[in-house]
Amino acid sequence: MAESSLITLQERMVNLVDQLAIPLVELSLVISRFNGLVLGRLMSLAEENSETLPPRITQQWKVEEQVQSSEFEFDLDRVVDVIDEERMDILTTLIRVSVEELRITLFDLMILLRSWEQMLKVRLAKVTSPGQLFSPVSMPEGF
């Protein structure tokens, strides 16, 4: 049941990212926010129950390939001014509603979010100009 729920959430997220042509920066912000919220809640629950979370949950996953990134300068305030909060809210809502509807555990959700985070880290490391941050994310085949 948990696996099919995660697959459903994954499919919904991929479809929405494609449908709304969500840029790399916006998708990265949404996933990063969710990672922080979910990890914080998991750590709180683990502490309350005197348990320890595995590194697979608490630490970012390593990126297999070596990525050479070129450094460029950009105005962070300008980037934030250009992002589409409504589009990000739609994705956030889709994730929240799906997690509730499909009864996905925080632990399973964190595993899914870590896979997205890893994929986005690779893409962000390859960015060579500010414009690439606003390019729509094309999802890898089979992701």
N, C-alpha and C. Protein backbone atom coordinates (compact mmCIF):
# COMPACT_ATOMS: atom_id res chain seq x y z
N MET A 1 0.82 -1.20 0.00
CA MET A 1 0.00 0.00 0.00
C MET A 1 0.86 1.25 0.00
N ALA A 2 1.89 1.29 0.87
CA ALA A 2 2.75 2.47 0.96
C ALA A 2 3.47 2.72 -0.36
N GLU A 3 3.93 1.66 -0.99
CA GLU A 3 4.64 1.82 -2.25
C GLU A 3 3.74 2.39 -3.34
N SER A 4 2.52 1.88 -3.44
CA SER A 4 1.61 2.39 -4.47
C SER A 4 1.21 3.83 -4.17
N SER A 5 1.11 4.21 -2.91
CA SER A 5 0.80 5.59 -2.54
C SER A 5 1.94 6.52 -2.94
N LEU A 6 3.17 6.08 -2.71
CA LEU A 6 4.32 6.89 -3.10
C LEU A 6 4.41 7.03 -4.61
N ILE A 7 4.11 5.96 -5.32
CA ILE A 7 4.12 6.02 -6.79
C ILE A 7 3.07 7.01 -7.28
N THR A 8 1.90 6.97 -6.66
CA THR A 8 0.83 7.91 -7.03
C THR A 8 1.26 9.35 -6.78
N LEU A 9 1.85 9.62 -5.62
CA LEU A 9 2.33 10.97 -5.31
C LEU A 9 3.40 11.38 -6.31
N GLN A 10 4.33 10.50 -6.57
CA GLN A 10 5.40 10.78 -7.54
C GLN A 10 4.82 11.14 -8.90
N GLU A 11 3.86 10.35 -9.37
CA GLU A 11 3.24 10.61 -10.67
C GLU A 11 2.52 11.95 -10.68
N ARG A 12 1.82 12.26 -9.62
CA ARG A 12 1.12 13.54 -9.53
C ARG A 12 2.10 14.71 -9.57
N MET A 13 3.19 14.58 -8.83
CA MET A 13 4.18 15.65 -8.80
C MET A 13 4.83 15.84 -10.17
N VAL A 14 5.23 14.73 -10.79
CA VAL A 14 5.86 14.81 -12.11
C VAL A 14 4.90 15.43 -13.12
N ASN A 15 3.64 15.00 -13.11
CA ASN A 15 2.67 15.53 -14.05
C ASN A 15 2.44 17.02 -13.85
N LEU A 16 2.36 17.46 -12.59
CA LEU A 16 2.15 18.88 -12.33
C LEU A 16 3.36 19.71 -12.72
N VAL A 17 4.55 19.20 -12.44
CA VAL A 17 5.77 19.91 -12.84
C VAL A 17 5.80 20.09 -14.35
N ASP A 18 5.42 19.04 -15.08
CA ASP A 18 5.37 19.13 -16.54
C ASP A 18 4.26 20.07 -17.00
N GLN A 19 3.08 19.92 -16.43
CA GLN A 19 1.92 20.69 -16.84
C GLN A 19 2.11 22.19 -16.61
N LEU A 20 2.67 22.56 -15.46
CA LEU A 20 2.85 23.97 -15.13
C LEU A 20 4.21 24.52 -15.58
N ALA A 21 5.03 23.67 -16.18
CA ALA A 21 6.38 24.07 -16.61
C ALA A 21 7.11 24.78 -15.46
N ILE A 22 7.15 24.11 -14.33
CA ILE A 22 7.75 24.71 -13.13
C ILE A 22 9.26 24.85 -13.31
N PRO A 23 9.77 26.05 -13.11
CA PRO A 23 11.21 26.28 -13.24
C PRO A 23 12.02 25.62 -12.13
N LEU A 24 13.27 25.40 -12.41
CA LEU A 24 14.19 24.75 -11.48
C LEU A 24 14.21 25.44 -10.12
N VAL A 25 14.29 26.75 -10.10
CA VAL A 25 14.39 27.47 -8.83
C VAL A 25 13.13 27.28 -8.00
N GLU A 26 11.96 27.31 -8.62
CA GLU A 26 10.71 27.16 -7.87
C GLU A 26 10.55 25.74 -7.34
N LEU A 27 10.85 24.76 -8.16
CA LEU A 27 10.75 23.37 -7.72
C LEU A 27 11.73 23.11 -6.58
N SER A 28 12.92 23.65 -6.69
CA SER A 28 13.93 23.47 -5.65
C SER A 28 13.48 24.09 -4.33
N LEU A 29 12.87 25.26 -4.40
CA LEU A 29 12.38 25.92 -3.19
C LEU A 29 11.27 25.12 -2.52
N VAL A 30 10.33 24.60 -3.30
CA VAL A 30 9.24 23.80 -2.74
C VAL A 30 9.78 22.54 -2.08
N ILE A 31 10.65 21.83 -2.77
CA ILE A 31 11.20 20.59 -2.21
C ILE A 31 12.03 20.89 -0.96
N SER A 32 12.80 21.95 -1.00
CA SER A 32 13.62 22.33 0.15
C SER A 32 12.74 22.67 1.36
N ARG A 33 11.68 23.41 1.14
CA ARG A 33 10.77 23.75 2.24
C ARG A 33 10.15 22.49 2.85
N PHE A 34 9.69 21.60 1.98
CA PHE A 34 9.09 20.36 2.48
C PHE A 34 10.11 19.52 3.23
N ASN A 35 11.32 19.44 2.70
CA ASN A 35 12.38 18.68 3.39
C ASN A 35 12.56 19.20 4.82
N GLY A 36 12.64 20.50 4.95
CA GLY A 36 12.83 21.10 6.27
C GLY A 36 11.67 20.81 7.22
N LEU A 37 10.45 20.95 6.72
CA LEU A 37 9.27 20.71 7.55
C LEU A 37 9.17 19.25 7.97
N VAL A 38 9.29 18.36 7.00
CA VAL A 38 9.13 16.93 7.28
C VAL A 38 10.26 16.43 8.16
N LEU A 39 11.48 16.81 7.86
CA LEU A 39 12.62 16.37 8.67
C LEU A 39 12.50 16.90 10.09
N GLY A 40 12.11 18.14 10.23
CA GLY A 40 11.92 18.71 11.57
C GLY A 40 10.90 17.93 12.37
N ARG A 41 9.80 17.59 11.75
CA ARG A 41 8.74 16.83 12.44
C ARG A 41 9.23 15.42 12.78
N LEU A 42 9.92 14.78 11.85
CA LEU A 42 10.45 13.43 12.11
C LEU A 42 11.46 13.45 13.26
N MET A 43 12.32 14.44 13.28
CA MET A 43 13.32 14.52 14.35
C MET A 43 12.64 14.76 15.70
N SER A 44 11.61 15.57 15.69
CA SER A 44 10.85 15.83 16.92
C SER A 44 10.19 14.54 17.42
N LEU A 45 9.57 13.81 16.52
CA LEU A 45 8.92 12.55 16.90
C LEU A 45 9.94 11.53 17.39
N ALA A 46 11.08 11.46 16.72
CA ALA A 46 12.12 10.53 17.13
C ALA A 46 12.63 10.87 18.53
N GLU A 47 12.81 12.15 18.79
CA GLU A 47 13.28 12.59 20.10
C GLU A 47 12.25 12.26 21.18
N GLU A 48 10.98 12.52 20.90
CA GLU A 48 9.91 12.22 21.86
C GLU A 48 9.86 10.74 22.22
N ASN A 49 10.21 9.89 21.25
CA ASN A 49 10.13 8.45 21.45
C ASN A 49 11.50 7.80 21.70
N SER A 50 12.49 8.62 21.96
CA SER A 50 13.85 8.15 22.24
C SER A 50 14.36 7.23 21.13
N GLU A 51 14.13 7.64 19.90
CA GLU A 51 14.59 6.86 18.75
C GLU A 51 15.60 7.68 17.95
N THR A 52 16.30 6.99 17.08
CA THR A 52 17.28 7.64 16.21
C THR A 52 16.87 7.41 14.77
N LEU A 53 16.91 8.47 14.00
CA LEU A 53 16.59 8.36 12.58
C LEU A 53 17.83 7.93 11.81
N PRO A 54 17.66 7.11 10.78
CA PRO A 54 18.81 6.68 9.98
C PRO A 54 19.36 7.84 9.14
N PRO A 55 20.66 7.80 8.83
CA PRO A 55 21.27 8.85 8.01
C PRO A 55 20.57 9.02 6.65
N ARG A 56 19.98 7.97 6.16
CA ARG A 56 19.25 8.04 4.88
C ARG A 56 18.14 9.09 4.93
N ILE A 57 17.64 9.35 6.12
CA ILE A 57 16.59 10.33 6.34
C ILE A 57 17.18 11.69 6.72
N THR A 58 18.15 11.67 7.61
CA THR A 58 18.65 12.93 8.18
C THR A 58 19.67 13.65 7.31
N GLN A 59 20.31 12.93 6.40
CA GLN A 59 21.36 13.54 5.59
C GLN A 59 20.99 13.55 4.11
N GLN A 60 21.46 14.59 3.42
CA GLN A 60 21.24 14.63 1.98
C GLN A 60 21.95 13.46 1.33
N TRP A 61 21.33 12.95 0.27
CA TRP A 61 21.94 11.84 -0.46
C TRP A 61 23.07 12.37 -1.31
N LYS A 62 24.11 11.55 -1.41
CA LYS A 62 25.25 11.93 -2.25
C LYS A 62 24.87 11.86 -3.72
N VAL A 63 25.53 12.71 -4.48
CA VAL A 63 25.32 12.72 -5.92
C VAL A 63 26.41 11.84 -6.52
N GLU A 64 25.99 10.86 -7.32
CA GLU A 64 26.92 9.88 -7.90
C GLU A 64 27.93 10.53 -8.84
N GLU A 65 27.43 11.35 -9.74
CA GLU A 65 28.32 11.91 -10.75
C GLU A 65 29.03 13.15 -10.23
N GLN A 66 30.23 13.34 -10.73
CA GLN A 66 30.97 14.54 -10.40
C GLN A 66 30.48 15.65 -11.31
N VAL A 67 30.11 16.75 -10.71
CA VAL A 67 29.58 17.86 -11.50
C VAL A 67 30.49 19.07 -11.31
N GLN A 68 30.93 19.59 -12.42
CA GLN A 68 31.73 20.80 -12.40
C GLN A 68 30.78 21.98 -12.60
N SER A 69 30.72 22.83 -11.63
CA SER A 69 29.83 23.98 -11.79
C SER A 69 30.67 25.23 -11.94
N SER A 70 30.19 26.11 -12.80
CA SER A 70 30.87 27.38 -12.93
C SER A 70 30.14 28.38 -12.05
N GLU A 71 30.89 29.21 -11.41
CA GLU A 71 30.28 30.18 -10.51
C GLU A 71 29.86 31.40 -11.30
N PHE A 72 28.70 31.91 -10.95
CA PHE A 72 28.23 33.15 -11.54
C PHE A 72 27.56 33.95 -10.45
N GLU A 73 27.45 35.22 -10.69
CA GLU A 73 26.84 36.07 -9.68
C GLU A 73 25.44 36.46 -10.12
N PHE A 74 24.54 36.50 -9.15
CA PHE A 74 23.19 36.95 -9.44
C PHE A 74 22.61 37.57 -8.18
N ASP A 75 21.62 38.38 -8.38
CA ASP A 75 20.97 39.08 -7.30
C ASP A 75 19.85 38.20 -6.74
N LEU A 76 20.03 37.68 -5.54
CA LEU A 76 19.05 36.78 -4.94
C LEU A 76 17.69 37.46 -4.79
N ASP A 77 17.68 38.73 -4.43
CA ASP A 77 16.41 39.46 -4.30
C ASP A 77 15.67 39.50 -5.63
N ARG A 78 16.41 39.66 -6.69
CA ARG A 78 15.80 39.69 -8.02
C ARG A 78 15.21 38.33 -8.39
N VAL A 79 15.91 37.27 -8.04
CA VAL A 79 15.41 35.92 -8.28
C VAL A 79 14.11 35.71 -7.53
N VAL A 80 14.09 36.10 -6.25
CA VAL A 80 12.90 35.93 -5.42
C VAL A 80 11.74 36.76 -5.97
N ASP A 81 12.03 37.93 -6.50
CA ASP A 81 10.97 38.78 -7.08
C ASP A 81 10.33 38.15 -8.31
N VAL A 82 11.06 37.32 -9.01
CA VAL A 82 10.58 36.76 -10.27
C VAL A 82 9.83 35.43 -10.09
N ILE A 83 10.04 34.76 -8.98
CA ILE A 83 9.39 33.45 -8.80
C ILE A 83 7.88 33.62 -8.73
N ASP A 84 7.20 32.58 -9.15
CA ASP A 84 5.73 32.58 -9.17
C ASP A 84 5.23 31.84 -7.93
N GLU A 85 4.86 32.61 -6.92
CA GLU A 85 4.39 32.03 -5.65
C GLU A 85 3.14 31.18 -5.85
N GLU A 86 2.26 31.60 -6.76
CA GLU A 86 1.03 30.83 -6.99
C GLU A 86 1.33 29.45 -7.53
N ARG A 87 2.27 29.37 -8.46
CA ARG A 87 2.64 28.07 -9.02
C ARG A 87 3.25 27.19 -7.93
N MET A 88 4.07 27.80 -7.09
CA MET A 88 4.68 27.05 -5.99
C MET A 88 3.61 26.60 -5.00
N ASP A 89 2.62 27.44 -4.74
CA ASP A 89 1.52 27.09 -3.83
C ASP A 89 0.71 25.92 -4.38
N ILE A 90 0.52 25.88 -5.69
CA ILE A 90 -0.24 24.78 -6.30
C ILE A 90 0.50 23.47 -6.08
N LEU A 91 1.80 23.46 -6.29
CA LEU A 91 2.59 22.24 -6.07
C LEU A 91 2.58 21.86 -4.59
N THR A 92 2.74 22.84 -3.72
CA THR A 92 2.72 22.58 -2.28
C THR A 92 1.38 21.96 -1.87
N THR A 93 0.30 22.53 -2.39
CA THR A 93 -1.03 22.01 -2.07
C THR A 93 -1.21 20.60 -2.59
N LEU A 94 -0.74 20.34 -3.79
CA LEU A 94 -0.84 18.99 -4.36
C LEU A 94 -0.13 17.99 -3.46
N ILE A 95 1.04 18.34 -2.99
CA ILE A 95 1.80 17.42 -2.13
C ILE A 95 1.06 17.20 -0.82
N ARG A 96 0.65 18.28 -0.18
CA ARG A 96 -0.04 18.16 1.12
C ARG A 96 -1.32 17.35 1.02
N VAL A 97 -2.15 17.66 0.02
CA VAL A 97 -3.42 16.96 -0.15
C VAL A 97 -3.17 15.48 -0.46
N SER A 98 -2.20 15.21 -1.30
CA SER A 98 -1.90 13.82 -1.66
C SER A 98 -1.40 13.03 -0.46
N VAL A 99 -0.55 13.65 0.35
CA VAL A 99 -0.02 12.97 1.55
C VAL A 99 -1.18 12.60 2.47
N GLU A 100 -2.11 13.52 2.65
CA GLU A 100 -3.28 13.25 3.50
C GLU A 100 -4.17 12.18 2.88
N GLU A 101 -4.51 12.38 1.62
CA GLU A 101 -5.42 11.47 0.92
C GLU A 101 -4.87 10.05 0.87
N LEU A 102 -3.60 9.94 0.55
CA LEU A 102 -2.97 8.63 0.37
C LEU A 102 -2.40 8.07 1.67
N ARG A 103 -2.49 8.85 2.74
CA ARG A 103 -2.01 8.45 4.06
C ARG A 103 -0.54 8.01 4.04
N ILE A 104 0.26 8.86 3.45
CA ILE A 104 1.69 8.60 3.35
C ILE A 104 2.36 8.99 4.66
N THR A 105 3.18 8.11 5.18
CA THR A 105 3.88 8.42 6.43
C THR A 105 4.96 9.47 6.18
N LEU A 106 5.33 10.18 7.23
CA LEU A 106 6.38 11.19 7.11
C LEU A 106 7.70 10.55 6.70
N PHE A 107 7.96 9.36 7.21
CA PHE A 107 9.19 8.65 6.87
C PHE A 107 9.25 8.36 5.37
N ASP A 108 8.15 7.81 4.83
CA ASP A 108 8.10 7.50 3.39
C ASP A 108 8.18 8.78 2.56
N LEU A 109 7.49 9.82 3.03
CA LEU A 109 7.52 11.10 2.31
C LEU A 109 8.95 11.64 2.26
N MET A 110 9.68 11.51 3.35
CA MET A 110 11.05 12.02 3.40
C MET A 110 11.94 11.28 2.41
N ILE A 111 11.74 9.98 2.26
CA ILE A 111 12.51 9.21 1.28
C ILE A 111 12.22 9.75 -0.13
N LEU A 112 10.95 9.99 -0.43
CA LEU A 112 10.58 10.53 -1.74
C LEU A 112 11.20 11.90 -1.95
N LEU A 113 11.12 12.74 -0.94
CA LEU A 113 11.68 14.09 -1.05
C LEU A 113 13.18 14.07 -1.24
N ARG A 114 13.85 13.13 -0.58
CA ARG A 114 15.32 13.01 -0.75
C ARG A 114 15.68 12.65 -2.20
N SER A 115 14.85 11.83 -2.85
CA SER A 115 15.15 11.48 -4.24
C SER A 115 14.98 12.71 -5.14
N TRP A 116 13.96 13.52 -4.87
CA TRP A 116 13.78 14.76 -5.63
C TRP A 116 14.93 15.72 -5.36
N GLU A 117 15.32 15.83 -4.10
CA GLU A 117 16.41 16.72 -3.73
C GLU A 117 17.70 16.34 -4.45
N GLN A 118 17.97 15.05 -4.51
CA GLN A 118 19.18 14.58 -5.18
C GLN A 118 19.16 14.95 -6.67
N MET A 119 18.02 14.72 -7.32
CA MET A 119 17.89 15.05 -8.75
C MET A 119 18.08 16.55 -8.96
N LEU A 120 17.51 17.36 -8.08
CA LEU A 120 17.61 18.81 -8.22
C LEU A 120 19.02 19.32 -7.94
N LYS A 121 19.73 18.69 -7.00
CA LYS A 121 21.11 19.08 -6.70
C LYS A 121 22.00 18.92 -7.93
N VAL A 122 21.81 17.84 -8.65
CA VAL A 122 22.59 17.61 -9.87
C VAL A 122 22.31 18.73 -10.88
N ARG A 123 21.05 19.05 -11.04
CA ARG A 123 20.67 20.09 -12.01
C ARG A 123 21.16 21.47 -11.57
N LEU A 124 21.03 21.78 -10.30
CA LEU A 124 21.49 23.08 -9.82
C LEU A 124 23.00 23.23 -9.96
N ALA A 125 23.72 22.15 -9.77
CA ALA A 125 25.18 22.19 -9.90
C ALA A 125 25.62 22.47 -11.33
N LYS A 126 24.76 22.17 -12.29
CA LYS A 126 25.08 22.37 -13.70
C LYS A 126 24.68 23.75 -14.21
N VAL A 127 24.02 24.54 -13.39
CA VAL A 127 23.56 25.86 -13.81
C VAL A 127 24.77 26.76 -14.04
N THR A 128 24.79 27.40 -15.19
CA THR A 128 25.91 28.29 -15.52
C THR A 128 25.48 29.74 -15.71
N SER A 129 24.16 29.97 -15.68
CA SER A 129 23.67 31.35 -15.80
C SER A 129 22.35 31.47 -15.04
N PRO A 130 22.04 32.68 -14.60
CA PRO A 130 20.79 32.87 -13.85
C PRO A 130 19.54 32.45 -14.63
N GLY A 131 19.56 32.60 -15.93
CA GLY A 131 18.41 32.22 -16.75
C GLY A 131 18.07 30.74 -16.63
N GLN A 132 19.07 29.92 -16.42
CA GLN A 132 18.83 28.47 -16.31
C GLN A 132 18.04 28.13 -15.06
N LEU A 133 18.08 28.99 -14.06
CA LEU A 133 17.27 28.75 -12.86
C LEU A 133 15.78 28.81 -13.17
N PHE A 134 15.45 29.55 -14.24
CA PHE A 134 14.04 29.73 -14.60
C PHE A 134 13.60 28.87 -15.77
N SER A 135 14.47 27.97 -16.18
CA SER A 135 14.10 27.02 -17.23
C SER A 135 13.19 25.96 -16.62
N PRO A 136 12.11 25.59 -17.32
CA PRO A 136 11.23 24.55 -16.80
C PRO A 136 12.01 23.24 -16.62
N VAL A 137 11.68 22.55 -15.56
CA VAL A 137 12.33 21.28 -15.28
C VAL A 137 11.70 20.21 -16.17
N SER A 138 12.54 19.55 -16.95
CA SER A 138 12.06 18.40 -17.71
C SER A 138 12.44 17.17 -16.88
N MET A 139 11.45 16.40 -16.57
CA MET A 139 11.67 15.27 -15.70
C MET A 139 12.38 14.13 -16.44
N PRO A 140 13.33 13.49 -15.76
CA PRO A 140 14.03 12.37 -16.40
C PRO A 140 13.06 11.21 -16.65
N GLU A 141 13.29 10.49 -17.72
CA GLU A 141 12.46 9.34 -18.07
C GLU A 141 12.48 8.35 -16.91
N GLY A 142 11.33 7.91 -16.50
CA GLY A 142 11.22 6.92 -15.45
C GLY A 142 11.35 7.44 -14.04
N PHE A 143 11.46 8.76 -13.89
CA PHE A 143 11.59 9.33 -12.54
C PHE A 143 10.28 9.29 -11.89
